[in-house]
């Protein structure tokens, strides 16, 4: 199948997220690989909305996030739970919307062009935190509750996939 990237910038947010979610479900139909899912979702979100930075930080230790598939400039490699917007969302297991990153205590600046941010926890089917989805914009106030609802619905894909156990030799 030839995957395409949607241009969602001119659509009302509610409609844009519905179209994106449908497109992601179609593109990832039959896929049960979380890294492929993260890479695909990052690319579709990033290019569809023309965000500054879009990607995942994966839980690699009980209280440590590590950069995963993403689109944009270099991201921080590791972020401890409770540190910055990503670490806060991971520690509290809730979506965090930051209207102005300069007003967020402890904000981690990976790209000085970032003005606002949204971070959404990603849960596996068993309810375990597996990652956070981090999106940065170069515009202040870019994210709202419509983004939260749309992105939370979108990352619900990860809770529905079968995570195969891989036997290491």
N, C-alpha and C. Protein backbone atom coordinates (compact mmCIF):
# COMPACT_ATOMS: atom_id res chain seq x y z
N UNK A 1 0.84 -1.17 0.00
CA UNK A 1 0.00 0.00 0.00
C UNK A 1 0.89 1.24 0.00
N UNK A 2 0.56 2.20 -0.78
CA UNK A 2 1.32 3.45 -0.82
C UNK A 2 0.73 4.39 0.22
N UNK A 3 1.44 4.56 1.33
CA UNK A 3 0.98 5.45 2.39
C UNK A 3 1.13 6.90 1.93
N UNK A 4 0.19 7.72 2.36
CA UNK A 4 0.26 9.14 2.04
C UNK A 4 0.16 9.92 3.33
N UNK A 5 0.66 11.13 3.29
CA UNK A 5 0.58 12.02 4.43
C UNK A 5 -0.54 13.02 4.15
N UNK A 6 -1.44 13.14 5.12
CA UNK A 6 -2.56 14.07 4.99
C UNK A 6 -2.11 15.48 5.35
N UNK A 7 -2.67 16.48 4.69
CA UNK A 7 -2.48 17.87 5.07
C UNK A 7 -3.71 18.28 5.87
N UNK A 8 -3.55 18.40 7.19
CA UNK A 8 -4.67 18.64 8.09
C UNK A 8 -4.74 20.07 8.59
N UNK A 9 -3.84 20.91 8.13
CA UNK A 9 -3.69 22.26 8.69
C UNK A 9 -4.91 23.15 8.51
N UNK A 10 -5.67 22.99 7.47
CA UNK A 10 -6.81 23.89 7.20
C UNK A 10 -8.14 23.34 7.72
N UNK A 11 -8.12 22.13 8.29
CA UNK A 11 -9.36 21.53 8.79
C UNK A 11 -9.62 21.95 10.23
N UNK A 12 -10.88 21.99 10.65
CA UNK A 12 -11.16 22.18 12.07
C UNK A 12 -10.52 21.02 12.85
N UNK A 13 -9.98 21.30 14.02
CA UNK A 13 -9.21 20.29 14.76
C UNK A 13 -9.97 18.99 14.98
N UNK A 14 -11.24 19.07 15.37
CA UNK A 14 -12.00 17.85 15.62
C UNK A 14 -12.02 16.96 14.38
N UNK A 15 -12.31 17.55 13.25
CA UNK A 15 -12.36 16.80 11.98
C UNK A 15 -10.97 16.29 11.60
N UNK A 16 -9.95 17.13 11.79
CA UNK A 16 -8.58 16.73 11.45
C UNK A 16 -8.17 15.49 12.23
N UNK A 17 -8.46 15.45 13.53
CA UNK A 17 -8.07 14.30 14.34
C UNK A 17 -8.87 13.05 13.97
N UNK A 18 -10.14 13.21 13.61
CA UNK A 18 -10.92 12.06 13.17
C UNK A 18 -10.34 11.48 11.88
N UNK A 19 -10.00 12.35 10.93
CA UNK A 19 -9.40 11.88 9.68
C UNK A 19 -8.04 11.24 9.93
N UNK A 20 -7.25 11.86 10.78
CA UNK A 20 -5.92 11.31 11.08
C UNK A 20 -6.03 9.95 11.75
N UNK A 21 -6.90 9.83 12.72
CA UNK A 21 -7.07 8.56 13.42
C UNK A 21 -7.51 7.46 12.45
N UNK A 22 -8.44 7.77 11.59
CA UNK A 22 -8.89 6.80 10.59
C UNK A 22 -7.74 6.40 9.66
N UNK A 23 -6.95 7.38 9.27
CA UNK A 23 -5.81 7.12 8.37
C UNK A 23 -4.76 6.25 9.08
N UNK A 24 -4.45 6.57 10.33
CA UNK A 24 -3.48 5.78 11.09
C UNK A 24 -3.97 4.34 11.23
N UNK A 25 -5.24 4.18 11.57
CA UNK A 25 -5.80 2.82 11.72
C UNK A 25 -5.67 2.04 10.41
N UNK A 26 -5.90 2.71 9.29
CA UNK A 26 -5.79 2.05 8.00
C UNK A 26 -4.34 1.68 7.67
N UNK A 27 -3.44 2.63 7.85
CA UNK A 27 -2.03 2.40 7.53
C UNK A 27 -1.45 1.31 8.43
N UNK A 28 -1.82 1.30 9.70
CA UNK A 28 -1.24 0.34 10.66
C UNK A 28 -2.07 -0.94 10.81
N UNK A 29 -3.08 -1.12 9.96
CA UNK A 29 -3.89 -2.33 10.03
C UNK A 29 -3.01 -3.57 9.90
N UNK A 30 -3.09 -4.46 10.86
CA UNK A 30 -2.31 -5.70 10.84
C UNK A 30 -0.92 -5.56 11.43
N UNK A 31 -0.53 -4.37 11.81
CA UNK A 31 0.79 -4.14 12.41
C UNK A 31 0.68 -4.24 13.92
N UNK A 32 1.60 -4.96 14.54
CA UNK A 32 1.60 -5.06 16.00
C UNK A 32 2.96 -4.66 16.58
N UNK A 33 3.68 -3.87 15.84
CA UNK A 33 5.01 -3.42 16.25
C UNK A 33 4.92 -1.99 16.76
N UNK A 34 5.17 -1.82 18.06
CA UNK A 34 4.99 -0.48 18.66
C UNK A 34 5.96 0.56 18.10
N UNK A 35 7.18 0.16 17.72
CA UNK A 35 8.14 1.12 17.17
C UNK A 35 7.68 1.57 15.78
N UNK A 36 7.19 0.64 14.97
CA UNK A 36 6.65 1.01 13.66
C UNK A 36 5.45 1.94 13.85
N UNK A 37 4.63 1.67 14.85
CA UNK A 37 3.50 2.54 15.15
C UNK A 37 3.94 3.93 15.55
N UNK A 38 4.95 4.01 16.42
CA UNK A 38 5.46 5.31 16.85
C UNK A 38 6.04 6.09 15.68
N UNK A 39 6.80 5.42 14.84
CA UNK A 39 7.40 6.10 13.69
C UNK A 39 6.33 6.61 12.73
N UNK A 40 5.34 5.79 12.47
CA UNK A 40 4.26 6.16 11.55
C UNK A 40 3.42 7.31 12.10
N UNK A 41 3.03 7.19 13.36
CA UNK A 41 2.22 8.24 13.98
C UNK A 41 3.00 9.55 14.05
N UNK A 42 4.28 9.48 14.40
CA UNK A 42 5.11 10.69 14.44
C UNK A 42 5.12 11.39 13.09
N UNK A 43 5.37 10.62 12.04
CA UNK A 43 5.46 11.20 10.70
C UNK A 43 4.13 11.81 10.27
N UNK A 44 3.03 11.08 10.48
CA UNK A 44 1.73 11.57 10.04
C UNK A 44 1.30 12.81 10.81
N UNK A 45 1.51 12.84 12.12
CA UNK A 45 1.19 14.01 12.92
C UNK A 45 2.05 15.21 12.54
N UNK A 46 3.34 14.96 12.45
CA UNK A 46 4.30 16.04 12.19
C UNK A 46 4.01 16.75 10.87
N UNK A 47 3.88 15.96 9.83
CA UNK A 47 3.67 16.55 8.51
C UNK A 47 2.22 16.99 8.29
N UNK A 48 1.28 16.28 8.90
CA UNK A 48 -0.12 16.65 8.74
C UNK A 48 -0.46 17.99 9.36
N UNK A 49 0.18 18.30 10.50
CA UNK A 49 -0.10 19.56 11.19
C UNK A 49 1.05 20.56 11.09
N UNK A 50 2.16 20.15 10.51
CA UNK A 50 3.34 21.00 10.37
C UNK A 50 3.85 21.49 11.73
N UNK A 51 4.00 20.52 12.66
CA UNK A 51 4.51 20.84 13.99
C UNK A 51 6.03 21.07 13.94
N UNK A 52 6.54 21.68 15.00
CA UNK A 52 7.98 21.91 15.13
C UNK A 52 8.71 20.60 15.46
N UNK A 53 8.18 19.84 16.40
CA UNK A 53 8.78 18.57 16.83
C UNK A 53 7.66 17.64 17.24
N UNK A 54 7.75 16.40 16.80
CA UNK A 54 6.70 15.42 17.08
C UNK A 54 7.37 14.07 17.32
N UNK A 55 7.15 13.48 18.47
CA UNK A 55 7.74 12.17 18.68
C UNK A 55 7.42 11.56 20.03
N UNK A 56 8.06 10.44 20.24
CA UNK A 56 7.81 9.64 21.43
C UNK A 56 9.06 9.57 22.30
N UNK A 57 8.82 9.54 23.58
CA UNK A 57 9.84 9.18 24.56
C UNK A 57 9.36 7.90 25.21
N UNK A 58 10.16 6.83 25.06
CA UNK A 58 9.79 5.51 25.54
C UNK A 58 10.28 5.27 26.96
N UNK A 59 9.49 4.53 27.75
CA UNK A 59 9.92 4.15 29.09
C UNK A 59 10.95 3.03 28.91
N UNK A 60 12.19 3.28 29.38
CA UNK A 60 13.26 2.29 29.22
C UNK A 60 13.74 1.75 30.56
N UNK A 61 13.43 2.45 31.63
CA UNK A 61 13.68 2.02 33.00
C UNK A 61 12.51 2.51 33.81
N UNK A 62 12.34 2.03 35.04
CA UNK A 62 11.15 2.42 35.80
C UNK A 62 10.89 3.92 35.89
N UNK A 63 11.89 4.76 35.87
CA UNK A 63 11.66 6.21 35.96
C UNK A 63 12.45 6.99 34.93
N UNK A 64 12.65 6.39 33.76
CA UNK A 64 13.45 7.05 32.73
C UNK A 64 12.81 6.91 31.36
N UNK A 65 12.72 8.05 30.66
CA UNK A 65 12.24 8.09 29.28
C UNK A 65 13.44 8.26 28.36
N UNK A 66 13.40 7.60 27.20
CA UNK A 66 14.44 7.77 26.19
C UNK A 66 13.78 8.09 24.87
N UNK A 67 14.39 9.00 24.13
CA UNK A 67 13.83 9.44 22.86
C UNK A 67 13.61 8.23 21.96
N UNK A 68 12.48 8.24 21.29
CA UNK A 68 12.14 7.16 20.38
C UNK A 68 11.93 7.72 18.99
N UNK A 69 11.14 7.09 18.19
CA UNK A 69 10.88 7.63 16.85
C UNK A 69 10.33 9.04 16.94
N UNK A 70 10.86 9.93 16.11
CA UNK A 70 10.39 11.32 16.11
C UNK A 70 10.70 11.97 14.78
N UNK A 71 10.11 13.16 14.60
CA UNK A 71 10.33 14.02 13.45
C UNK A 71 10.72 15.39 13.98
N UNK A 72 11.75 15.99 13.44
CA UNK A 72 12.18 17.31 13.86
C UNK A 72 13.65 17.33 14.19
N UNK A 73 14.08 18.40 14.85
CA UNK A 73 15.48 18.54 15.24
C UNK A 73 15.80 17.55 16.36
N UNK A 74 17.06 17.48 16.74
CA UNK A 74 17.44 16.57 17.81
C UNK A 74 16.63 16.81 19.06
N UNK A 75 16.25 15.71 19.71
CA UNK A 75 15.53 15.80 20.98
C UNK A 75 16.48 15.45 22.11
N UNK A 76 16.04 15.67 23.33
CA UNK A 76 16.80 15.23 24.48
C UNK A 76 16.87 13.70 24.43
N UNK A 77 17.99 13.13 24.80
CA UNK A 77 18.12 11.68 24.73
C UNK A 77 17.38 11.00 25.88
N UNK A 78 17.59 11.46 27.10
CA UNK A 78 16.96 10.87 28.28
C UNK A 78 16.27 11.95 29.08
N UNK A 79 15.11 11.61 29.65
CA UNK A 79 14.38 12.52 30.53
C UNK A 79 13.88 11.69 31.72
N UNK A 80 14.21 12.13 32.91
CA UNK A 80 13.74 11.46 34.12
C UNK A 80 12.28 11.78 34.38
N UNK A 81 11.54 10.83 34.92
CA UNK A 81 10.16 11.07 35.33
C UNK A 81 10.17 12.26 36.29
N UNK A 82 9.20 13.14 36.13
CA UNK A 82 9.06 14.31 36.98
C UNK A 82 9.84 15.52 36.49
N UNK A 83 10.64 15.36 35.46
CA UNK A 83 11.47 16.46 34.96
C UNK A 83 10.89 16.99 33.64
N UNK A 84 10.70 18.30 33.55
CA UNK A 84 10.17 18.90 32.32
C UNK A 84 8.74 18.47 32.06
N UNK A 85 8.24 18.81 30.89
CA UNK A 85 6.85 18.51 30.54
C UNK A 85 6.67 17.00 30.32
N UNK A 86 7.61 16.38 29.61
CA UNK A 86 7.50 14.93 29.35
C UNK A 86 7.58 14.12 30.64
N UNK A 87 8.54 14.45 31.48
CA UNK A 87 8.69 13.74 32.74
C UNK A 87 7.51 13.94 33.67
N UNK A 88 6.90 15.12 33.63
CA UNK A 88 5.70 15.39 34.43
C UNK A 88 4.53 14.55 33.94
N UNK A 89 4.32 14.52 32.62
CA UNK A 89 3.22 13.72 32.06
C UNK A 89 3.42 12.24 32.38
N UNK A 90 4.67 11.77 32.33
CA UNK A 90 4.95 10.37 32.63
C UNK A 90 4.70 10.07 34.11
N UNK A 91 5.22 10.92 35.00
CA UNK A 91 5.07 10.68 36.44
C UNK A 91 3.62 10.75 36.88
N UNK A 92 2.87 11.68 36.29
CA UNK A 92 1.47 11.88 36.70
C UNK A 92 0.49 11.10 35.83
N UNK A 93 1.00 10.50 34.75
CA UNK A 93 0.16 9.71 33.83
C UNK A 93 -1.07 10.50 33.37
N UNK A 94 -0.81 11.74 32.98
CA UNK A 94 -1.89 12.60 32.48
C UNK A 94 -1.33 13.48 31.37
N UNK A 95 -2.23 13.90 30.49
CA UNK A 95 -1.85 14.82 29.42
C UNK A 95 -1.55 16.18 30.01
N UNK A 96 -0.43 16.77 29.56
CA UNK A 96 -0.03 18.10 30.01
C UNK A 96 0.00 19.02 28.79
N UNK A 97 -0.75 20.11 28.88
CA UNK A 97 -0.76 21.14 27.84
C UNK A 97 -0.07 22.37 28.40
N UNK A 98 0.95 22.84 27.70
CA UNK A 98 1.68 24.03 28.12
C UNK A 98 1.49 25.10 27.05
N UNK A 99 0.76 26.14 27.42
CA UNK A 99 0.45 27.23 26.50
C UNK A 99 1.68 28.05 26.16
N UNK A 100 2.55 28.26 27.18
CA UNK A 100 3.77 29.05 27.01
C UNK A 100 4.88 28.34 27.76
N UNK A 101 5.83 27.75 27.04
CA UNK A 101 6.88 26.96 27.68
C UNK A 101 7.73 27.78 28.64
N UNK A 102 7.83 29.09 28.42
CA UNK A 102 8.61 29.94 29.33
C UNK A 102 7.96 30.04 30.71
N UNK A 103 6.68 29.76 30.80
CA UNK A 103 5.96 29.84 32.07
C UNK A 103 5.90 28.50 32.79
N UNK A 104 6.45 27.43 32.19
CA UNK A 104 6.41 26.11 32.82
C UNK A 104 7.69 25.91 33.63
N UNK A 105 7.57 25.80 34.96
CA UNK A 105 8.77 25.62 35.78
C UNK A 105 9.51 24.32 35.40
N UNK A 106 10.80 24.44 35.15
CA UNK A 106 11.62 23.28 34.82
C UNK A 106 11.51 22.82 33.39
N UNK A 107 10.93 23.64 32.51
CA UNK A 107 10.83 23.26 31.10
C UNK A 107 12.22 22.95 30.55
N UNK A 108 12.34 21.86 29.81
CA UNK A 108 13.60 21.48 29.18
C UNK A 108 13.58 22.01 27.76
N UNK A 109 14.53 22.84 27.42
CA UNK A 109 14.58 23.43 26.08
C UNK A 109 15.49 22.60 25.19
N UNK A 110 14.89 21.85 24.28
CA UNK A 110 15.67 21.12 23.28
C UNK A 110 15.81 21.96 22.02
N UNK A 111 14.77 22.71 21.70
CA UNK A 111 14.79 23.60 20.54
C UNK A 111 14.28 24.96 20.99
N UNK A 112 15.12 25.99 20.94
CA UNK A 112 14.71 27.30 21.45
C UNK A 112 13.54 27.93 20.70
N UNK A 113 13.16 27.38 19.55
CA UNK A 113 12.01 27.90 18.81
C UNK A 113 10.69 27.45 19.41
N UNK A 114 10.73 26.45 20.29
CA UNK A 114 9.50 25.92 20.88
C UNK A 114 8.83 26.97 21.75
N UNK A 115 7.52 27.16 21.53
CA UNK A 115 6.74 28.15 22.30
C UNK A 115 5.64 27.49 23.11
N UNK A 116 5.09 26.35 22.63
CA UNK A 116 4.06 25.64 23.38
C UNK A 116 4.24 24.14 23.13
N UNK A 117 3.59 23.34 24.00
CA UNK A 117 3.85 21.90 23.97
C UNK A 117 2.64 21.14 24.52
N UNK A 118 2.47 19.92 24.03
CA UNK A 118 1.49 18.99 24.60
C UNK A 118 2.18 17.64 24.72
N UNK A 119 1.97 16.98 25.85
CA UNK A 119 2.55 15.65 26.07
C UNK A 119 1.44 14.73 26.56
N UNK A 120 1.30 13.58 25.88
CA UNK A 120 0.22 12.63 26.13
C UNK A 120 0.80 11.28 26.55
N UNK A 121 0.38 10.74 27.70
CA UNK A 121 0.85 9.41 28.09
C UNK A 121 0.34 8.35 27.11
N UNK A 122 1.16 7.36 26.85
CA UNK A 122 0.82 6.25 25.97
C UNK A 122 0.79 4.98 26.82
N UNK A 123 -0.38 4.36 26.88
CA UNK A 123 -0.55 3.18 27.72
C UNK A 123 -0.68 1.92 26.88
N UNK A 124 -0.05 0.86 27.35
CA UNK A 124 -0.20 -0.45 26.73
C UNK A 124 -1.56 -1.03 27.13
N UNK A 125 -1.92 -2.14 26.53
CA UNK A 125 -3.20 -2.78 26.81
C UNK A 125 -3.39 -3.16 28.27
N UNK A 126 -2.29 -3.44 28.98
CA UNK A 126 -2.37 -3.80 30.39
C UNK A 126 -2.39 -2.57 31.31
N UNK A 127 -2.44 -1.37 30.72
CA UNK A 127 -2.47 -0.14 31.50
C UNK A 127 -1.10 0.39 31.88
N UNK A 128 -0.06 -0.31 31.51
CA UNK A 128 1.30 0.11 31.83
C UNK A 128 1.72 1.29 30.93
N UNK A 129 2.38 2.28 31.53
CA UNK A 129 2.91 3.40 30.76
C UNK A 129 4.06 2.89 29.91
N UNK A 130 3.95 3.04 28.59
CA UNK A 130 5.02 2.57 27.71
C UNK A 130 5.80 3.72 27.09
N UNK A 131 5.18 4.92 27.04
CA UNK A 131 5.83 6.06 26.40
C UNK A 131 5.00 7.31 26.66
N UNK A 132 5.52 8.44 26.18
CA UNK A 132 4.72 9.65 26.08
C UNK A 132 4.89 10.18 24.67
N UNK A 133 3.84 10.79 24.15
CA UNK A 133 3.87 11.46 22.86
C UNK A 133 4.08 12.94 23.14
N UNK A 134 5.13 13.51 22.56
CA UNK A 134 5.50 14.91 22.79
C UNK A 134 5.40 15.67 21.49
N UNK A 135 4.68 16.80 21.52
CA UNK A 135 4.56 17.64 20.33
C UNK A 135 4.86 19.08 20.73
N UNK A 136 5.75 19.72 19.98
CA UNK A 136 6.11 21.12 20.21
C UNK A 136 5.66 21.95 19.02
N UNK A 137 5.28 23.20 19.32
CA UNK A 137 4.92 24.16 18.29
C UNK A 137 5.76 25.42 18.46
N UNK A 138 5.98 26.10 17.35
CA UNK A 138 6.70 27.38 17.43
C UNK A 138 5.72 28.54 17.66
N UNK A 139 4.46 28.22 17.95
CA UNK A 139 3.45 29.25 18.25
C UNK A 139 2.98 29.08 19.70
N UNK A 140 2.86 30.17 20.42
CA UNK A 140 2.30 30.14 21.77
C UNK A 140 0.82 29.77 21.68
N UNK A 141 0.37 28.93 22.61
CA UNK A 141 -1.05 28.57 22.68
C UNK A 141 -1.55 27.69 21.56
N UNK A 142 -0.69 26.88 20.99
CA UNK A 142 -1.08 26.07 19.83
C UNK A 142 -2.00 24.90 20.19
N UNK A 143 -1.98 24.45 21.44
CA UNK A 143 -2.70 23.22 21.81
C UNK A 143 -3.81 23.51 22.80
N UNK A 144 -4.91 22.74 22.68
CA UNK A 144 -6.05 22.92 23.57
C UNK A 144 -6.69 21.57 23.84
N UNK A 145 -7.88 21.58 24.44
CA UNK A 145 -8.56 20.33 24.79
C UNK A 145 -8.95 19.50 23.57
N UNK A 146 -9.14 20.14 22.42
CA UNK A 146 -9.43 19.37 21.21
C UNK A 146 -8.20 18.54 20.81
N UNK A 147 -7.02 19.12 20.98
CA UNK A 147 -5.79 18.36 20.71
C UNK A 147 -5.66 17.22 21.72
N UNK A 148 -5.90 17.53 22.99
CA UNK A 148 -5.81 16.49 24.02
C UNK A 148 -6.71 15.31 23.67
N UNK A 149 -7.98 15.59 23.39
CA UNK A 149 -8.93 14.52 23.09
C UNK A 149 -8.52 13.75 21.83
N UNK A 150 -8.14 14.48 20.79
CA UNK A 150 -7.74 13.82 19.54
C UNK A 150 -6.49 12.97 19.69
N UNK A 151 -5.51 13.48 20.41
CA UNK A 151 -4.26 12.74 20.59
C UNK A 151 -4.43 11.55 21.54
N UNK A 152 -5.23 11.73 22.58
CA UNK A 152 -5.50 10.59 23.49
C UNK A 152 -6.20 9.47 22.74
N UNK A 153 -7.14 9.83 21.87
CA UNK A 153 -7.82 8.81 21.06
C UNK A 153 -6.82 8.15 20.11
N UNK A 154 -5.95 8.94 19.51
CA UNK A 154 -4.98 8.43 18.55
C UNK A 154 -4.02 7.43 19.21
N UNK A 155 -3.47 7.77 20.38
CA UNK A 155 -2.51 6.85 21.02
C UNK A 155 -3.20 5.64 21.63
N UNK A 156 -4.52 5.63 21.64
CA UNK A 156 -5.25 4.44 22.06
C UNK A 156 -4.92 3.24 21.19
N UNK A 157 -4.37 3.48 20.00
CA UNK A 157 -3.95 2.39 19.12
C UNK A 157 -2.99 1.45 19.85
N UNK A 158 -2.11 1.99 20.67
CA UNK A 158 -1.10 1.17 21.35
C UNK A 158 -1.73 0.21 22.36
N UNK A 159 -2.84 0.58 22.97
CA UNK A 159 -3.51 -0.29 23.93
C UNK A 159 -4.21 -1.44 23.23
N UNK A 160 -4.48 -1.30 21.95
CA UNK A 160 -5.21 -2.33 21.21
C UNK A 160 -4.32 -3.32 20.48
N UNK A 161 -3.03 -3.03 20.34
CA UNK A 161 -2.19 -3.96 19.59
C UNK A 161 -1.76 -5.12 20.47
N UNK A 162 -1.55 -6.22 19.83
CA UNK A 162 -1.00 -7.39 20.52
C UNK A 162 0.50 -7.21 20.56
N UNK A 163 1.05 -7.15 21.75
CA UNK A 163 2.50 -7.00 21.88
C UNK A 163 3.09 -8.40 21.98
N UNK A 164 3.66 -8.89 20.88
CA UNK A 164 4.19 -10.26 20.91
C UNK A 164 5.39 -10.35 21.83
N UNK A 165 5.49 -11.48 22.49
CA UNK A 165 6.70 -11.70 23.29
C UNK A 165 7.76 -12.20 22.32
N UNK A 166 8.91 -11.57 22.40
CA UNK A 166 10.00 -11.91 21.49
C UNK A 166 11.00 -12.77 22.26
N UNK A 167 11.24 -13.91 21.73
CA UNK A 167 12.17 -14.82 22.37
C UNK A 167 13.57 -14.48 21.92
N UNK A 168 14.39 -14.11 22.85
CA UNK A 168 15.77 -13.76 22.53
C UNK A 168 16.65 -15.00 22.63
N UNK A 169 17.55 -15.14 21.67
CA UNK A 169 18.46 -16.29 21.67
C UNK A 169 19.85 -15.90 22.04
